[in-house]
Amino acid sequence: MKAHVHTATGRANIFQDDTGVHLRVLETNGTVWEAGFFPAEKWDDLPQAWQAALSLAREIISPDFGTRH
């Protein structure tokens, strides 16, 4: 499963693999950074991991994010 969110400086990608859910940011200047990793040891953990990743993605796309970091 994957999700993409456009930001002011690029795009945030959310994806899951066997270990959990990842939030990776790809900036327009070519910088790629891992913004968050939310482990999911079993299938039942995935909804909470996705919720946490989406919550962080919402913070990153907020116009206030750059002024806080």
C-alpha atoms as a PDB file:
ATOM      1  CA  MET A   1       0.000   0.000   0.000  1.00  0.00           C
ATOM      2  CA  LYS A   2       1.228   3.521  -0.848  1.00  0.00           C
ATOM      3  CA  ALA A   3       0.101   7.115  -0.453  1.00  0.00           C
ATOM      4  CA  HIS A   4       1.573  10.353  -1.810  1.00  0.00           C
ATOM      5  CA  VAL A   5       1.067  13.861  -0.462  1.00  0.00           C
ATOM      6  CA  HIS A   6       2.412  16.930  -2.246  1.00  0.00           C
ATOM      7  CA  THR A   7       4.199  19.485  -0.083  1.00  0.00           C
ATOM      8  CA  ALA A   8       5.406  23.009  -0.753  1.00  0.00           C
ATOM      9  CA  THR A   9       8.947  21.695  -1.238  1.00  0.00           C
ATOM     10  CA  GLY A  10       8.309  18.301  -2.835  1.00  0.00           C
ATOM     11  CA  ARG A  11       6.351  15.178  -2.022  1.00  0.00           C
ATOM     12  CA  ALA A  12       5.818  12.936   0.981  1.00  0.00           C
ATOM     13  CA  ASN A  13       5.548   9.220   0.247  1.00  0.00           C
ATOM     14  CA  ILE A  14       3.993   6.822   2.714  1.00  0.00           C
ATOM     15  CA  PHE A  15       4.434   3.117   2.139  1.00  0.00           C
ATOM     16  CA  GLN A  16       4.402  -0.134   4.036  1.00  0.00           C
ATOM     17  CA  ASP A  17       6.695  -3.126   3.900  1.00  0.00           C
ATOM     18  CA  ASP A  18       7.205  -6.217   6.045  1.00  0.00           C
ATOM     19  CA  THR A  19       8.562  -4.159   8.947  1.00  0.00           C
ATOM     20  CA  GLY A  20       5.992  -1.364   9.156  1.00  0.00           C
ATOM     21  CA  VAL A  21       5.020   1.971   7.623  1.00  0.00           C
ATOM     22  CA  HIS A  22       7.575   4.490   6.341  1.00  0.00           C
ATOM     23  CA  LEU A  23       7.208   8.201   5.641  1.00  0.00           C
ATOM     24  CA  ARG A  24       9.809   9.468   3.199  1.00  0.00           C
ATOM     25  CA  VAL A  25      10.064  13.031   1.897  1.00  0.00           C
ATOM     26  CA  LEU A  26      11.427  13.794  -1.583  1.00  0.00           C
ATOM     27  CA  GLU A  27      12.224  17.480  -1.931  1.00  0.00           C
ATOM     28  CA  THR A  28      12.323  19.293  -5.265  1.00  0.00           C
ATOM     29  CA  ASN A  29      16.049  19.984  -4.755  1.00  0.00           C
ATOM     30  CA  GLY A  30      16.744  16.221  -4.804  1.00  0.00           C
ATOM     31  CA  THR A  31      17.068  15.704  -1.048  1.00  0.00           C
ATOM     32  CA  VAL A  32      15.423  12.533   0.248  1.00  0.00           C
ATOM     33  CA  TRP A  33      14.905  12.006   3.956  1.00  0.00           C
ATOM     34  CA  GLU A  34      13.195   9.429   6.099  1.00  0.00           C
ATOM     35  CA  ALA A  35      10.734  11.482   8.138  1.00  0.00           C
ATOM     36  CA  GLY A  36       9.357   8.602  10.144  1.00  0.00           C
ATOM     37  CA  PHE A  37       9.131   4.867  10.608  1.00  0.00           C
ATOM     38  CA  PHE A  38       6.265   3.237  12.443  1.00  0.00           C
ATOM     39  CA  PRO A  39       6.862  -0.457  13.172  1.00  0.00           C
ATOM     40  CA  ALA A  40       4.113  -3.011  12.759  1.00  0.00           C
ATOM     41  CA  GLU A  41       5.033  -6.437  14.061  1.00  0.00           C
ATOM     42  CA  LYS A  42       1.688  -7.980  13.093  1.00  0.00           C
ATOM     43  CA  TRP A  43      -1.197  -7.264  10.732  1.00  0.00           C
ATOM     44  CA  ASP A  44      -3.293  -5.723  13.541  1.00  0.00           C
ATOM     45  CA  ASP A  45      -0.606  -3.063  14.138  1.00  0.00           C
ATOM     46  CA  LEU A  46      -0.823  -1.635  10.605  1.00  0.00           C
ATOM     47  CA  PRO A  47      -3.864   0.646  11.070  1.00  0.00           C
ATOM     48  CA  GLN A  48      -2.207   2.425  13.995  1.00  0.00           C
ATOM     49  CA  ALA A  49       1.093   2.693  12.091  1.00  0.00           C
ATOM     50  CA  TRP A  50      -0.706   4.204   9.081  1.00  0.00           C
ATOM     51  CA  GLN A  51      -2.563   6.617  11.335  1.00  0.00           C
ATOM     52  CA  ALA A  52       0.705   7.801  12.882  1.00  0.00           C
ATOM     53  CA  ALA A  53       2.378   8.190   9.468  1.00  0.00           C
ATOM     54  CA  LEU A  54      -0.555  10.161   8.062  1.00  0.00           C
ATOM     55  CA  SER A  55      -0.608  12.386  11.123  1.00  0.00           C
ATOM     56  CA  LEU A  56       3.086  13.186  10.683  1.00  0.00           C
ATOM     57  CA  ALA A  57       2.570  13.784   6.947  1.00  0.00           C
ATOM     58  CA  ARG A  58      -0.151  16.328   7.789  1.00  0.00           C
ATOM     59  CA  GLU A  59       2.323  18.145  10.030  1.00  0.00           C
ATOM     60  CA  ILE A  60       4.973  18.166   7.307  1.00  0.00           C
ATOM     61  CA  ILE A  61       2.646  19.641   4.674  1.00  0.00           C
ATOM     62  CA  SER A  62       1.485  22.345   7.089  1.00  0.00           C
ATOM     63  CA  PRO A  63       2.786  25.811   6.163  1.00  0.00           C
ATOM     64  CA  ASP A  64       4.053  26.167   9.749  1.00  0.00           C
ATOM     65  CA  PHE A  65       6.333  23.112   9.521  1.00  0.00           C
ATOM     66  CA  GLY A  66       9.315  24.956   8.039  1.00  0.00           C
ATOM     67  CA  THR A  67       9.255  27.576  10.746  1.00  0.00           C
ATOM     68  CA  ARG A  68       9.297  24.962  13.503  1.00  0.00           C
ATOM     69  CA  HIS A  69      12.210  22.867  12.160  1.00  0.00           C
END
